[in-house]
Amino acid sequence: MNDDFINLIEPTPHLKSKKCKLIALAIRVFLQFTTPLIGILVWYLYDYFAAIAALLLSFIIMGIIRSKLRNSVIPPSQREYHYNDDGIAKWYSAKMLCREE
């Protein structure tokens, strides 16, 4: 028998208040749409060569922000699981911003 799995200690938190759900939605939208928005904005203001450079740079910066958010709130034993932007936003909102729940 192969025991190469990771035990799930905590499930992804469920947010109860509307304020916490709104904060999680704002974080998720920020993580998902900042990179293409920066690329389109730079393309509109300058040209497509600068837009490609800005897109690559924002992709790297958003990856760093995403990993910092993810590693600051998800328990160390669960960091090997894949979390999408919605999961990261829910974890961060529940652990850092909405502690009253």
N, C-alpha and C. Protein backbone atom coordinates (compact mmCIF):
# COMPACT_ATOMS: atom_id res chain seq x y z
N MET A 1 0.84 -1.18 0.00
CA MET A 1 0.00 0.00 0.00
C MET A 1 0.89 1.24 0.00
N ASN A 2 0.49 2.23 -0.77
CA ASN A 2 1.27 3.46 -0.90
C ASN A 2 0.63 4.57 -0.07
N ASP A 3 1.37 5.12 0.87
CA ASP A 3 0.86 6.18 1.73
C ASP A 3 1.51 7.52 1.39
N ASP A 4 1.44 7.93 0.12
CA ASP A 4 2.06 9.18 -0.31
C ASP A 4 1.07 10.33 -0.37
N PHE A 5 0.07 10.32 0.46
CA PHE A 5 -0.90 11.41 0.45
C PHE A 5 -0.71 12.27 1.68
N ILE A 6 -1.25 13.47 1.61
CA ILE A 6 -1.14 14.41 2.72
C ILE A 6 -2.49 14.46 3.43
N ASN A 7 -2.48 14.33 4.73
CA ASN A 7 -3.73 14.40 5.48
C ASN A 7 -4.23 15.84 5.51
N LEU A 8 -5.49 16.01 5.20
CA LEU A 8 -6.10 17.33 5.23
C LEU A 8 -6.45 17.65 6.67
N ILE A 9 -5.81 18.66 7.23
CA ILE A 9 -6.02 19.01 8.63
C ILE A 9 -7.22 19.94 8.76
N GLU A 10 -7.23 21.00 7.96
CA GLU A 10 -8.31 21.97 8.02
C GLU A 10 -8.92 22.14 6.64
N PRO A 11 -10.24 22.11 6.54
CA PRO A 11 -10.85 22.41 5.24
C PRO A 11 -10.79 23.90 4.95
N THR A 12 -11.01 24.27 3.71
CA THR A 12 -11.05 25.69 3.36
C THR A 12 -12.20 26.33 4.13
N PRO A 13 -11.93 27.45 4.80
CA PRO A 13 -12.96 28.06 5.65
C PRO A 13 -14.18 28.54 4.85
N HIS A 14 -15.33 28.46 5.49
CA HIS A 14 -16.56 29.01 4.92
C HIS A 14 -16.84 30.33 5.63
N LEU A 15 -16.93 31.39 4.86
CA LEU A 15 -17.17 32.71 5.43
C LEU A 15 -18.67 32.90 5.66
N LYS A 16 -19.02 33.47 6.80
CA LYS A 16 -20.43 33.60 7.15
C LYS A 16 -20.97 35.01 6.95
N SER A 17 -20.21 36.02 7.32
CA SER A 17 -20.72 37.39 7.23
C SER A 17 -20.55 37.94 5.81
N LYS A 18 -21.41 38.88 5.48
CA LYS A 18 -21.34 39.49 4.15
C LYS A 18 -20.08 40.32 3.99
N LYS A 19 -19.63 40.93 5.08
CA LYS A 19 -18.41 41.74 5.03
C LYS A 19 -17.21 40.87 4.66
N CYS A 20 -17.10 39.71 5.27
CA CYS A 20 -15.98 38.81 4.99
C CYS A 20 -16.06 38.24 3.57
N LYS A 21 -17.28 37.93 3.12
CA LYS A 21 -17.44 37.44 1.75
C LYS A 21 -17.07 38.51 0.74
N LEU A 22 -17.41 39.77 1.04
CA LEU A 22 -17.06 40.87 0.14
C LEU A 22 -15.56 41.10 0.10
N ILE A 23 -14.91 40.98 1.24
CA ILE A 23 -13.45 41.12 1.30
C ILE A 23 -12.78 40.00 0.50
N ALA A 24 -13.27 38.78 0.67
CA ALA A 24 -12.71 37.65 -0.08
C ALA A 24 -12.92 37.82 -1.58
N LEU A 25 -14.08 38.34 -1.96
CA LEU A 25 -14.35 38.59 -3.38
C LEU A 25 -13.41 39.65 -3.93
N ALA A 26 -13.17 40.70 -3.16
CA ALA A 26 -12.25 41.76 -3.60
C ALA A 26 -10.83 41.22 -3.76
N ILE A 27 -10.38 40.38 -2.84
CA ILE A 27 -9.04 39.79 -2.95
C ILE A 27 -8.97 38.87 -4.16
N ARG A 28 -10.00 38.07 -4.38
CA ARG A 28 -10.02 37.16 -5.52
C ARG A 28 -10.00 37.92 -6.85
N VAL A 29 -10.80 38.97 -6.96
CA VAL A 29 -10.81 39.79 -8.18
C VAL A 29 -9.46 40.44 -8.40
N PHE A 30 -8.84 40.92 -7.32
CA PHE A 30 -7.50 41.51 -7.43
C PHE A 30 -6.48 40.50 -7.94
N LEU A 31 -6.51 39.30 -7.37
CA LEU A 31 -5.55 38.28 -7.79
C LEU A 31 -5.79 37.80 -9.22
N GLN A 32 -7.05 37.72 -9.64
CA GLN A 32 -7.36 37.18 -10.96
C GLN A 32 -7.18 38.19 -12.08
N PHE A 33 -7.56 39.43 -11.86
CA PHE A 33 -7.69 40.35 -12.97
C PHE A 33 -6.65 41.47 -13.02
N THR A 34 -5.74 41.55 -12.06
CA THR A 34 -4.75 42.62 -12.09
C THR A 34 -3.77 42.46 -13.24
N THR A 35 -3.30 41.25 -13.47
CA THR A 35 -2.31 41.03 -14.52
C THR A 35 -2.83 41.40 -15.90
N PRO A 36 -3.97 40.88 -16.37
CA PRO A 36 -4.44 41.30 -17.69
C PRO A 36 -4.86 42.76 -17.75
N LEU A 37 -5.35 43.31 -16.64
CA LEU A 37 -5.74 44.71 -16.61
C LEU A 37 -4.53 45.62 -16.80
N ILE A 38 -3.42 45.29 -16.17
CA ILE A 38 -2.20 46.07 -16.35
C ILE A 38 -1.72 45.98 -17.79
N GLY A 39 -1.75 44.79 -18.37
CA GLY A 39 -1.33 44.62 -19.76
C GLY A 39 -2.18 45.44 -20.72
N ILE A 40 -3.50 45.41 -20.53
CA ILE A 40 -4.40 46.17 -21.40
C ILE A 40 -4.21 47.67 -21.20
N LEU A 41 -4.05 48.10 -19.95
CA LEU A 41 -3.86 49.51 -19.66
C LEU A 41 -2.57 50.05 -20.27
N VAL A 42 -1.49 49.31 -20.13
CA VAL A 42 -0.21 49.75 -20.71
C VAL A 42 -0.28 49.71 -22.23
N TRP A 43 -0.96 48.75 -22.79
CA TRP A 43 -1.13 48.68 -24.24
C TRP A 43 -1.92 49.89 -24.75
N TYR A 44 -2.94 50.30 -24.01
CA TYR A 44 -3.74 51.45 -24.40
C TYR A 44 -2.94 52.74 -24.28
N LEU A 45 -2.15 52.87 -23.21
CA LEU A 45 -1.42 54.11 -22.97
C LEU A 45 -0.13 54.22 -23.79
N TYR A 46 0.55 53.11 -24.05
CA TYR A 46 1.84 53.16 -24.72
C TYR A 46 1.79 52.36 -26.02
N ASP A 47 2.37 51.20 -26.02
CA ASP A 47 2.32 50.35 -27.21
C ASP A 47 2.39 48.89 -26.77
N TYR A 48 2.32 47.98 -27.73
CA TYR A 48 2.21 46.58 -27.36
C TYR A 48 3.53 45.98 -26.89
N PHE A 49 4.68 46.57 -27.26
CA PHE A 49 5.96 46.06 -26.73
C PHE A 49 6.05 46.34 -25.23
N ALA A 50 5.66 47.55 -24.83
CA ALA A 50 5.65 47.88 -23.40
C ALA A 50 4.58 47.06 -22.68
N ALA A 51 3.48 46.78 -23.36
CA ALA A 51 2.41 45.99 -22.74
C ALA A 51 2.86 44.56 -22.47
N ILE A 52 3.62 43.99 -23.39
CA ILE A 52 4.14 42.63 -23.17
C ILE A 52 5.10 42.61 -21.99
N ALA A 53 5.96 43.62 -21.91
CA ALA A 53 6.90 43.71 -20.78
C ALA A 53 6.15 43.91 -19.46
N ALA A 54 5.15 44.79 -19.47
CA ALA A 54 4.37 45.02 -18.26
C ALA A 54 3.57 43.79 -17.87
N LEU A 55 3.06 43.06 -18.86
CA LEU A 55 2.32 41.84 -18.59
C LEU A 55 3.21 40.80 -17.93
N LEU A 56 4.41 40.62 -18.45
CA LEU A 56 5.34 39.66 -17.84
C LEU A 56 5.74 40.08 -16.44
N LEU A 57 6.03 41.36 -16.26
CA LEU A 57 6.43 41.85 -14.95
C LEU A 57 5.28 41.73 -13.94
N SER A 58 4.07 42.08 -14.37
CA SER A 58 2.94 41.96 -13.45
C SER A 58 2.61 40.50 -13.14
N PHE A 59 2.85 39.61 -14.09
CA PHE A 59 2.65 38.18 -13.84
C PHE A 59 3.60 37.70 -12.74
N ILE A 60 4.84 38.13 -12.79
CA ILE A 60 5.81 37.75 -11.76
C ILE A 60 5.44 38.36 -10.41
N ILE A 61 5.08 39.64 -10.40
CA ILE A 61 4.74 40.32 -9.15
C ILE A 61 3.48 39.72 -8.53
N MET A 62 2.47 39.44 -9.34
CA MET A 62 1.24 38.85 -8.81
C MET A 62 1.49 37.42 -8.32
N GLY A 63 2.41 36.70 -8.93
CA GLY A 63 2.78 35.38 -8.43
C GLY A 63 3.43 35.46 -7.06
N ILE A 64 4.25 36.47 -6.86
CA ILE A 64 4.88 36.66 -5.55
C ILE A 64 3.84 37.03 -4.51
N ILE A 65 2.93 37.94 -4.86
CA ILE A 65 1.87 38.33 -3.92
C ILE A 65 0.99 37.14 -3.58
N ARG A 66 0.63 36.36 -4.61
CA ARG A 66 -0.22 35.19 -4.40
C ARG A 66 0.46 34.18 -3.47
N SER A 67 1.75 33.94 -3.68
CA SER A 67 2.44 32.97 -2.83
C SER A 67 2.63 33.49 -1.41
N LYS A 68 2.85 34.79 -1.24
CA LYS A 68 2.97 35.35 0.10
C LYS A 68 1.65 35.24 0.86
N LEU A 69 0.54 35.55 0.19
CA LEU A 69 -0.77 35.40 0.83
C LEU A 69 -1.02 33.95 1.20
N ARG A 70 -0.72 33.07 0.27
CA ARG A 70 -0.97 31.63 0.46
C ARG A 70 -0.14 31.09 1.62
N ASN A 71 1.13 31.41 1.65
CA ASN A 71 2.02 30.85 2.68
C ASN A 71 1.83 31.49 4.04
N SER A 72 1.19 32.67 4.09
CA SER A 72 1.01 33.31 5.39
C SER A 72 -0.18 32.75 6.17
N VAL A 73 -1.13 32.09 5.49
CA VAL A 73 -2.34 31.65 6.20
C VAL A 73 -2.61 30.16 6.12
N ILE A 74 -2.16 29.48 5.12
CA ILE A 74 -2.44 28.05 4.99
C ILE A 74 -1.48 27.27 5.88
N PRO A 75 -1.98 26.32 6.65
CA PRO A 75 -1.11 25.53 7.54
C PRO A 75 0.02 24.85 6.76
N PRO A 76 1.20 24.74 7.36
CA PRO A 76 2.36 24.18 6.64
C PRO A 76 2.14 22.77 6.10
N SER A 77 1.36 21.96 6.77
CA SER A 77 1.15 20.59 6.28
C SER A 77 0.25 20.55 5.05
N GLN A 78 -0.46 21.64 4.75
CA GLN A 78 -1.38 21.67 3.62
C GLN A 78 -0.85 22.49 2.44
N ARG A 79 0.32 23.02 2.50
CA ARG A 79 0.83 23.89 1.45
C ARG A 79 1.16 23.17 0.16
N GLU A 80 1.20 21.86 0.20
CA GLU A 80 1.49 21.11 -1.02
C GLU A 80 0.26 20.94 -1.89
N TYR A 81 -0.92 21.22 -1.35
CA TYR A 81 -2.14 21.19 -2.14
C TYR A 81 -2.20 22.42 -3.04
N HIS A 82 -2.91 22.28 -4.14
CA HIS A 82 -3.11 23.41 -5.04
C HIS A 82 -4.34 24.19 -4.58
N TYR A 83 -4.19 25.49 -4.43
CA TYR A 83 -5.30 26.37 -4.08
C TYR A 83 -5.46 27.41 -5.18
N ASN A 84 -6.69 27.60 -5.63
CA ASN A 84 -6.95 28.63 -6.62
C ASN A 84 -7.09 29.97 -5.91
N ASP A 85 -7.35 31.02 -6.69
CA ASP A 85 -7.43 32.37 -6.11
C ASP A 85 -8.59 32.49 -5.12
N ASP A 86 -9.69 31.80 -5.38
CA ASP A 86 -10.82 31.84 -4.47
C ASP A 86 -10.45 31.19 -3.13
N GLY A 87 -9.77 30.07 -3.16
CA GLY A 87 -9.34 29.42 -1.93
C GLY A 87 -8.35 30.25 -1.13
N ILE A 88 -7.41 30.87 -1.83
CA ILE A 88 -6.43 31.73 -1.15
C ILE A 88 -7.13 32.92 -0.52
N ALA A 89 -8.08 33.52 -1.24
CA ALA A 89 -8.82 34.67 -0.71
C ALA A 89 -9.65 34.28 0.51
N LYS A 90 -10.28 33.10 0.48
CA LYS A 90 -11.07 32.66 1.63
C LYS A 90 -10.19 32.38 2.84
N TRP A 91 -9.07 31.70 2.61
CA TRP A 91 -8.15 31.44 3.72
C TRP A 91 -7.65 32.75 4.32
N TYR A 92 -7.23 33.68 3.47
CA TYR A 92 -6.67 34.94 3.98
C TYR A 92 -7.74 35.74 4.71
N SER A 93 -8.92 35.80 4.16
CA SER A 93 -10.00 36.55 4.82
C SER A 93 -10.35 35.95 6.17
N ALA A 94 -10.44 34.64 6.21
CA ALA A 94 -10.83 33.97 7.46
C ALA A 94 -9.75 34.07 8.53
N LYS A 95 -8.50 33.91 8.14
CA LYS A 95 -7.43 33.86 9.14
C LYS A 95 -6.90 35.24 9.55
N MET A 96 -6.85 36.19 8.61
CA MET A 96 -6.23 37.48 8.90
C MET A 96 -7.22 38.63 9.10
N LEU A 97 -8.29 38.64 8.34
CA LEU A 97 -9.16 39.82 8.36
C LEU A 97 -10.45 39.63 9.11
N CYS A 98 -10.96 38.42 9.16
CA CYS A 98 -12.27 38.16 9.79
C CYS A 98 -12.10 37.13 10.89
N ARG A 99 -11.42 37.49 11.92
CA ARG A 99 -11.16 36.55 13.02
C ARG A 99 -12.36 36.35 13.93
N GLU A 100 -13.37 37.20 13.84
CA GLU A 100 -14.50 37.10 14.76
C GLU A 100 -15.40 35.91 14.46
N GLU A 101 -15.28 35.29 13.30
CA GLU A 101 -16.15 34.16 12.96
C GLU A 101 -15.66 32.88 13.59
